[in-house]
C-alpha atoms as a PDB file:
ATOM      1  CA  UNK A   1     187.480  63.488  63.962  1.00  0.00           C
ATOM      2  CA  UNK A   2     186.210  63.194  68.321  1.00  0.00           C
ATOM      3  CA  UNK A   3     183.118  64.975  67.461  1.00  0.00           C
ATOM      4  CA  UNK A   4     182.191  64.624  64.075  1.00  0.00           C
ATOM      5  CA  UNK A   5     182.329  60.234  63.476  1.00  0.00           C
ATOM      6  CA  UNK A   6     183.477  59.448  67.275  1.00  0.00           C
ATOM      7  CA  UNK A   7     180.930  60.823  69.352  1.00  0.00           C
ATOM      8  CA  UNK A   8     177.691  60.572  67.330  1.00  0.00           C
ATOM      9  CA  UNK A   9     178.415  56.831  67.630  1.00  0.00           C
ATOM     10  CA  UNK A  10     178.989  56.489  70.977  1.00  0.00           C
ATOM     11  CA  UNK A  11     176.037  58.558  71.964  1.00  0.00           C
ATOM     12  CA  UNK A  12     173.836  55.852  70.450  1.00  0.00           C
ATOM     13  CA  UNK A  13     175.103  53.695  73.408  1.00  0.00           C
ATOM     14  CA  UNK A  14     173.397  53.880  77.260  1.00  0.00           C
ATOM     15  CA  UNK A  15     175.828  56.143  78.544  1.00  0.00           C
ATOM     16  CA  UNK A  16     175.830  53.605  81.720  1.00  0.00           C
ATOM     17  CA  UNK A  17     177.062  50.611  79.864  1.00  0.00           C
ATOM     18  CA  UNK A  18     179.298  52.804  78.375  1.00  0.00           C
ATOM     19  CA  UNK A  19     180.691  53.988  81.971  1.00  0.00           C
ATOM     20  CA  UNK A  20     180.763  49.585  82.600  1.00  0.00           C
ATOM     21  CA  UNK A  21     182.742  49.362  79.460  1.00  0.00           C
ATOM     22  CA  UNK A  22     185.093  52.245  79.864  1.00  0.00           C
ATOM     23  CA  UNK A  23     186.332  50.315  83.745  1.00  0.00           C
ATOM     24  CA  UNK A  24     185.944  47.232  82.322  1.00  0.00           C
ATOM     25  CA  UNK A  25     189.063  48.437  79.478  1.00  0.00           C
ATOM     26  CA  UNK A  26     190.983  50.065  81.839  1.00  0.00           C
ATOM     27  CA  UNK A  27     191.354  47.551  84.110  1.00  0.00           C
ATOM     28  CA  UNK A  28     192.483  45.049  81.646  1.00  0.00           C
ATOM     29  CA  UNK A  29     195.241  47.911  80.333  1.00  0.00           C
ATOM     30  CA  UNK A  30     196.146  48.585  83.506  1.00  0.00           C
ATOM     31  CA  UNK A  31     197.527  45.458  84.401  1.00  0.00           C
ATOM     32  CA  UNK A  32     198.865  44.706  80.229  1.00  0.00           C
ATOM     33  CA  UNK A  33     202.453  44.000  80.503  1.00  0.00           C
ATOM     34  CA  UNK A  34     202.601  45.319  76.702  1.00  0.00           C
ATOM     35  CA  UNK A  35     199.808  48.559  77.348  1.00  0.00           C
ATOM     36  CA  UNK A  36     201.188  50.010  80.854  1.00  0.00           C
ATOM     37  CA  UNK A  37     204.345  51.031  78.810  1.00  0.00           C
ATOM     38  CA  UNK A  38     202.961  52.306  76.037  1.00  0.00           C
ATOM     39  CA  UNK A  39     200.293  54.195  77.814  1.00  0.00           C
ATOM     40  CA  UNK A  40     203.573  55.718  80.004  1.00  0.00           C
ATOM     41  CA  UNK A  41     204.808  57.079  76.733  1.00  0.00           C
ATOM     42  CA  UNK A  42     202.022  58.688  75.284  1.00  0.00           C
ATOM     43  CA  UNK A  43     202.828  60.748  78.980  1.00  0.00           C
ATOM     44  CA  UNK A  44     204.365  64.198  79.085  1.00  0.00           C
ATOM     45  CA  UNK A  45     207.560  65.077  80.890  1.00  0.00           C
ATOM     46  CA  UNK A  46     206.159  66.200  84.811  1.00  0.00           C
ATOM     47  CA  UNK A  47     205.768  69.861  84.599  1.00  0.00           C
ATOM     48  CA  UNK A  48     207.152  71.105  88.805  1.00  0.00           C
ATOM     49  CA  UNK A  49     205.602  74.077  88.617  1.00  0.00           C
ATOM     50  CA  UNK A  50     202.212  72.395  88.948  1.00  0.00           C
ATOM     51  CA  UNK A  51     203.306  69.960  91.915  1.00  0.00           C
ATOM     52  CA  UNK A  52     201.526  70.617  95.248  1.00  0.00           C
ATOM     53  CA  UNK A  53     202.187  69.264  98.535  1.00  0.00           C
ATOM     54  CA  UNK A  54     198.471  68.803 100.825  1.00  0.00           C
ATOM     55  CA  UNK A  55     197.915  67.237 103.508  1.00  0.00           C
ATOM     56  CA  UNK A  56     201.436  65.644 103.763  1.00  0.00           C
ATOM     57  CA  UNK A  57     201.009  63.577 100.321  1.00  0.00           C
ATOM     58  CA  UNK A  58     202.359  65.193  97.388  1.00  0.00           C
ATOM     59  CA  UNK A  59     200.474  65.503  93.626  1.00  0.00           C
ATOM     60  CA  UNK A  60     202.681  66.048  90.341  1.00  0.00           C
ATOM     61  CA  UNK A  61     199.886  68.065  89.388  1.00  0.00           C
ATOM     62  CA  UNK A  62     196.190  69.123  90.273  1.00  0.00           C
ATOM     63  CA  UNK A  63     194.620  66.627  87.443  1.00  0.00           C
ATOM     64  CA  UNK A  64     192.666  63.569  89.452  1.00  0.00           C
ATOM     65  CA  UNK A  65     190.080  61.320  89.009  1.00  0.00           C
ATOM     66  CA  UNK A  66     186.846  62.145  91.193  1.00  0.00           C
ATOM     67  CA  UNK A  67     184.829  59.822  93.049  1.00  0.00           C
ATOM     68  CA  UNK A  68     181.814  58.466  90.585  1.00  0.00           C
ATOM     69  CA  UNK A  69     183.858  56.843  87.924  1.00  0.00           C
ATOM     70  CA  UNK A  70     185.844  53.842  89.059  1.00  0.00           C
ATOM     71  CA  UNK A  71     183.232  52.854  92.293  1.00  0.00           C
ATOM     72  CA  UNK A  72     185.125  49.430  93.199  1.00  0.00           C
ATOM     73  CA  UNK A  73     188.453  50.315  92.486  1.00  0.00           C
ATOM     74  CA  UNK A  74     188.411  48.227  89.536  1.00  0.00           C
ATOM     75  CA  UNK A  75     191.409  49.776  87.276  1.00  0.00           C
ATOM     76  CA  UNK A  76     193.132  51.713  90.171  1.00  0.00           C
ATOM     77  CA  UNK A  77     196.490  50.808  88.334  1.00  0.00           C
ATOM     78  CA  UNK A  78     195.198  52.841  84.807  1.00  0.00           C
ATOM     79  CA  UNK A  79     194.577  55.911  85.759  1.00  0.00           C
ATOM     80  CA  UNK A  80     198.571  57.102  86.675  1.00  0.00           C
ATOM     81  CA  UNK A  81     199.610  55.238  83.286  1.00  0.00           C
ATOM     82  CA  UNK A  82     196.620  57.408  81.624  1.00  0.00           C
ATOM     83  CA  UNK A  83     198.398  60.862  83.306  1.00  0.00           C
ATOM     84  CA  UNK A  84     195.554  61.287  86.650  1.00  0.00           C
ATOM     85  CA  UNK A  85     198.162  62.532  89.497  1.00  0.00           C
ATOM     86  CA  UNK A  86     195.609  61.034  91.871  1.00  0.00           C
ATOM     87  CA  UNK A  87     192.323  58.894  92.108  1.00  0.00           C
ATOM     88  CA  UNK A  88     189.501  58.668  94.286  1.00  0.00           C
ATOM     89  CA  UNK A  89     186.965  55.588  94.160  1.00  0.00           C
ATOM     90  CA  UNK A  90     183.872  55.148  95.260  1.00  0.00           C
ATOM     91  CA  UNK A  91     181.829  56.540  96.772  1.00  0.00           C
ATOM     92  CA  UNK A  92     181.946  52.906  99.399  1.00  0.00           C
ATOM     93  CA  UNK A  93     179.360  51.667 101.707  1.00  0.00           C
ATOM     94  CA  UNK A  94     179.155  49.632 104.528  1.00  0.00           C
ATOM     95  CA  UNK A  95     176.738  47.093 102.728  1.00  0.00           C
ATOM     96  CA  UNK A  96     176.261  46.438  98.665  1.00  0.00           C
ATOM     97  CA  UNK A  97     173.782  48.255  97.026  1.00  0.00           C
ATOM     98  CA  UNK A  98     172.470  47.755  93.460  1.00  0.00           C
ATOM     99  CA  UNK A  99     171.764  51.509  93.843  1.00  0.00           C
ATOM    100  CA  UNK A 100     168.912  54.045  91.734  1.00  0.00           C
ATOM    101  CA  UNK A 101     166.281  52.031  89.262  1.00  0.00           C
ATOM    102  CA  UNK A 102     167.755  52.354  85.453  1.00  0.00           C
ATOM    103  CA  UNK A 103     167.483  54.719  83.679  1.00  0.00           C
ATOM    104  CA  UNK A 104     169.789  56.977  85.832  1.00  0.00           C
ATOM    105  CA  UNK A 105     172.661  58.284  83.835  1.00  0.00           C
ATOM    106  CA  UNK A 106     171.864  60.806  81.790  1.00  0.00           C
ATOM    107  CA  UNK A 107     173.105  62.983  78.861  1.00  0.00           C
ATOM    108  CA  UNK A 108     172.958  66.403  78.397  1.00  0.00           C
ATOM    109  CA  UNK A 109     174.387  67.260  74.880  1.00  0.00           C
ATOM    110  CA  UNK A 110     173.643  71.107  74.783  1.00  0.00           C
ATOM    111  CA  UNK A 111     174.880  71.486  77.589  1.00  0.00           C
ATOM    112  CA  UNK A 112     178.244  69.492  77.612  1.00  0.00           C
ATOM    113  CA  UNK A 113     176.791  67.368  80.748  1.00  0.00           C
ATOM    114  CA  UNK A 114     175.955  64.340  82.130  1.00  0.00           C
ATOM    115  CA  UNK A 115     173.049  64.024  84.812  1.00  0.00           C
ATOM    116  CA  UNK A 116     174.023  61.247  88.492  1.00  0.00           C
ATOM    117  CA  UNK A 117     171.270  59.982  89.376  1.00  0.00           C
ATOM    118  CA  UNK A 118     173.156  56.573  90.460  1.00  0.00           C
ATOM    119  CA  UNK A 119     172.518  56.224  93.649  1.00  0.00           C
ATOM    120  CA  UNK A 120     175.764  54.829  95.788  1.00  0.00           C
ATOM    121  CA  UNK A 121     175.491  51.410  93.426  1.00  0.00           C
ATOM    122  CA  UNK A 122     179.253  49.679  94.917  1.00  0.00           C
ATOM    123  CA  UNK A 123     180.010  46.555  95.900  1.00  0.00           C
ATOM    124  CA  UNK A 124     180.539  46.828  99.355  1.00  0.00           C
ATOM    125  CA  UNK A 125     183.070  47.827 102.009  1.00  0.00           C
ATOM    126  CA  UNK A 126     184.798  44.433 102.629  1.00  0.00           C
ATOM    127  CA  UNK A 127     184.330  43.330  99.155  1.00  0.00           C
ATOM    128  CA  UNK A 128     186.051  46.549  97.531  1.00  0.00           C
ATOM    129  CA  UNK A 129     188.984  46.114 100.389  1.00  0.00           C
ATOM    130  CA  UNK A 130     189.228  42.680  98.487  1.00  0.00           C
ATOM    131  CA  UNK A 131     190.254  44.588  95.510  1.00  0.00           C
ATOM    132  CA  UNK A 132     192.058  46.952  96.803  1.00  0.00           C
ATOM    133  CA  UNK A 133     194.235  44.048  98.250  1.00  0.00           C
ATOM    134  CA  UNK A 134     194.423  42.540  94.436  1.00  0.00           C
ATOM    135  CA  UNK A 135     194.986  46.131  93.203  1.00  0.00           C
ATOM    136  CA  UNK A 136     198.603  46.929  95.465  1.00  0.00           C
ATOM    137  CA  UNK A 137     199.999  44.486  92.929  1.00  0.00           C
ATOM    138  CA  UNK A 138     199.691  46.514  89.769  1.00  0.00           C
ATOM    139  CA  UNK A 139     199.103  49.673  91.941  1.00  0.00           C
ATOM    140  CA  UNK A 140     201.786  52.597  91.393  1.00  0.00           C
ATOM    141  CA  UNK A 141     202.303  54.172  94.716  1.00  0.00           C
ATOM    142  CA  UNK A 142     203.582  57.346  94.151  1.00  0.00           C
ATOM    143  CA  UNK A 143     199.728  58.420  92.785  1.00  0.00           C
ATOM    144  CA  UNK A 144     197.963  59.425  96.221  1.00  0.00           C
ATOM    145  CA  UNK A 145     194.707  57.213  96.433  1.00  0.00           C
ATOM    146  CA  UNK A 146     191.468  58.359  97.697  1.00  0.00           C
ATOM    147  CA  UNK A 147     188.169  56.759  99.178  1.00  0.00           C
ATOM    148  CA  UNK A 148     184.837  58.477  98.968  1.00  0.00           C
ATOM    149  CA  UNK A 149     182.629  57.237 102.260  1.00  0.00           C
ATOM    150  CA  UNK A 150     179.052  57.487 102.108  1.00  0.00           C
ATOM    151  CA  UNK A 151     175.852  56.129 103.965  1.00  0.00           C
ATOM    152  CA  UNK A 152     174.267  52.819 103.078  1.00  0.00           C
ATOM    153  CA  UNK A 153     170.741  53.627 102.087  1.00  0.00           C
ATOM    154  CA  UNK A 154     169.374  51.385 103.616  1.00  0.00           C
ATOM    155  CA  UNK A 155     171.243  52.522 107.232  1.00  0.00           C
ATOM    156  CA  UNK A 156     169.351  54.549 109.693  1.00  0.00           C
ATOM    157  CA  UNK A 157     170.397  57.942 110.076  1.00  0.00           C
ATOM    158  CA  UNK A 158     170.776  57.702 113.887  1.00  0.00           C
ATOM    159  CA  UNK A 159     173.236  54.610 112.773  1.00  0.00           C
ATOM    160  CA  UNK A 160     175.429  57.027 110.444  1.00  0.00           C
ATOM    161  CA  UNK A 161     178.333  57.384 112.256  1.00  0.00           C
ATOM    162  CA  UNK A 162     178.652  53.304 112.794  1.00  0.00           C
ATOM    163  CA  UNK A 163     178.255  53.128 108.820  1.00  0.00           C
ATOM    164  CA  UNK A 164     180.864  54.921 108.577  1.00  0.00           C
ATOM    165  CA  UNK A 165     183.346  53.991 110.722  1.00  0.00           C
ATOM    166  CA  UNK A 166     183.005  50.014 109.168  1.00  0.00           C
ATOM    167  CA  UNK A 167     183.603  50.712 106.172  1.00  0.00           C
ATOM    168  CA  UNK A 168     186.510  53.235 107.588  1.00  0.00           C
ATOM    169  CA  UNK A 169     188.277  50.486 109.100  1.00  0.00           C
ATOM    170  CA  UNK A 170     187.982  47.670 105.997  1.00  0.00           C
ATOM    171  CA  UNK A 171     188.975  50.174 103.731  1.00  0.00           C
ATOM    172  CA  UNK A 172     192.016  52.148 106.440  1.00  0.00           C
ATOM    173  CA  UNK A 173     194.968  50.101 104.918  1.00  0.00           C
ATOM    174  CA  UNK A 174     194.684  51.114 101.042  1.00  0.00           C
ATOM    175  CA  UNK A 175     193.727  54.535 101.674  1.00  0.00           C
ATOM    176  CA  UNK A 176     196.442  57.396 101.628  1.00  0.00           C
ATOM    177  CA  UNK A 177     193.412  60.304 102.509  1.00  0.00           C
ATOM    178  CA  UNK A 178     189.256  59.550 102.962  1.00  0.00           C
ATOM    179  CA  UNK A 179     186.735  61.434 101.974  1.00  0.00           C
ATOM    180  CA  UNK A 180     183.124  61.401 103.922  1.00  0.00           C
ATOM    181  CA  UNK A 181     180.620  61.875 101.434  1.00  0.00           C
ATOM    182  CA  UNK A 182     176.943  63.931 103.147  1.00  0.00           C
ATOM    183  CA  UNK A 183     176.021  65.203 100.203  1.00  0.00           C
ATOM    184  CA  UNK A 184     174.871  63.204  97.835  1.00  0.00           C
ATOM    185  CA  UNK A 185     170.948  64.063  97.058  1.00  0.00           C
ATOM    186  CA  UNK A 186     170.311  60.383  95.911  1.00  0.00           C
ATOM    187  CA  UNK A 187     170.278  58.806  99.635  1.00  0.00           C
ATOM    188  CA  UNK A 188     167.313  59.791 101.295  1.00  0.00           C
ATOM    189  CA  UNK A 189     168.247  62.018 104.201  1.00  0.00           C
ATOM    190  CA  UNK A 190     171.917  61.969 103.667  1.00  0.00           C
ATOM    191  CA  UNK A 191     172.245  65.681 103.495  1.00  0.00           C
ATOM    192  CA  UNK A 192     170.797  65.844 107.818  1.00  0.00           C
ATOM    193  CA  UNK A 193     174.181  64.727 108.342  1.00  0.00           C
ATOM    194  CA  UNK A 194     175.661  67.759 107.552  1.00  0.00           C
ATOM    195  CA  UNK A 195     174.080  68.937 111.151  1.00  0.00           C
ATOM    196  CA  UNK A 196     177.049  69.758 112.913  1.00  0.00           C
ATOM    197  CA  UNK A 197     176.074  67.195 115.538  1.00  0.00           C
ATOM    198  CA  UNK A 198     175.794  64.562 113.230  1.00  0.00           C
ATOM    199  CA  UNK A 199     179.025  65.460 111.459  1.00  0.00           C
ATOM    200  CA  UNK A 200     180.732  66.255 114.587  1.00  0.00           C
ATOM    201  CA  UNK A 201     179.933  62.412 115.433  1.00  0.00           C
ATOM    202  CA  UNK A 202     180.768  60.804 112.621  1.00  0.00           C
ATOM    203  CA  UNK A 203     184.443  62.295 112.504  1.00  0.00           C
ATOM    204  CA  UNK A 204     185.225  61.703 116.110  1.00  0.00           C
ATOM    205  CA  UNK A 205     184.309  57.990 115.514  1.00  0.00           C
ATOM    206  CA  UNK A 206     187.246  58.040 112.336  1.00  0.00           C
ATOM    207  CA  UNK A 207     189.320  59.848 113.810  1.00  0.00           C
ATOM    208  CA  UNK A 208     189.070  57.418 116.604  1.00  0.00           C
ATOM    209  CA  UNK A 209     190.750  54.641 114.391  1.00  0.00           C
ATOM    210  CA  UNK A 210     192.757  56.974 112.009  1.00  0.00           C
ATOM    211  CA  UNK A 211     195.654  56.175 113.680  1.00  0.00           C
ATOM    212  CA  UNK A 212     198.357  57.061 110.821  1.00  0.00           C
ATOM    213  CA  UNK A 213     196.594  60.490 110.527  1.00  0.00           C
ATOM    214  CA  UNK A 214     195.900  60.140 107.498  1.00  0.00           C
ATOM    215  CA  UNK A 215     193.856  63.202 105.700  1.00  0.00           C
ATOM    216  CA  UNK A 216     189.943  62.912 106.093  1.00  0.00           C
ATOM    217  CA  UNK A 217     187.922  64.994 104.072  1.00  0.00           C
ATOM    218  CA  UNK A 218     184.545  66.216 104.115  1.00  0.00           C
ATOM    219  CA  UNK A 219     182.158  66.623 100.996  1.00  0.00           C
ATOM    220  CA  UNK A 220     179.539  69.205 101.858  1.00  0.00           C
ATOM    221  CA  UNK A 221     176.207  70.217  99.419  1.00  0.00           C
ATOM    222  CA  UNK A 222     177.690  72.760  97.154  1.00  0.00           C
ATOM    223  CA  UNK A 223     174.695  75.047  98.615  1.00  0.00           C
ATOM    224  CA  UNK A 224     176.183  74.617 102.149  1.00  0.00           C
ATOM    225  CA  UNK A 225     178.068  76.936 103.668  1.00  0.00           C
ATOM    226  CA  UNK A 226     180.513  75.706 106.904  1.00  0.00           C
ATOM    227  CA  UNK A 227     179.116  78.869 108.771  1.00  0.00           C
ATOM    228  CA  UNK A 228     175.966  76.335 108.695  1.00  0.00           C
ATOM    229  CA  UNK A 229     177.783  73.927 109.602  1.00  0.00           C
ATOM    230  CA  UNK A 230     180.683  75.136 112.004  1.00  0.00           C
END
């Protein structure tokens, strides 16, 4: 039914428009007093064999929502109701930015894939922090929440550490773990921050503000090995 009927109909529409519609729908369902119990009722019983403890956090199973989908933390309450064990919002930058020019999201049907050239489009750290404060009222606290941090496009590379630190401080009360994103090819020069000196400065700046010792992960490019930045 999906392949023959629903997918051909969905593929008639722009993928970014459908992305926005999906997030908006999930946001509504996550807040709805009628939909929430229905969604939870459809979930299978948890299997303890899939449970994992990582970085002092508890994950019911290994499947979570990756960063790049719920960029502005609009539907956090829905993700646990839909069965995800964790969710990672963002990428969030210190300053609001519109991202790359349209079109920037492309379907590759023959490869069963999507090509993403969004460019860290988001509302900025302060606006996302305000949204997270609202979402705290309906969020399932048992679901670990990650926050993916990126550099603002307009921020010069020498000021990157301060840019990440600004976002980290604003979003700190809401994240269970944080990810320093220095891997995206859609922000000019971002991958230069994978150099040892640059990355060390960023991490030292964040750790100085990490009063509760929350986990801080690093997202690097897939063609880069740790031996290159050690």
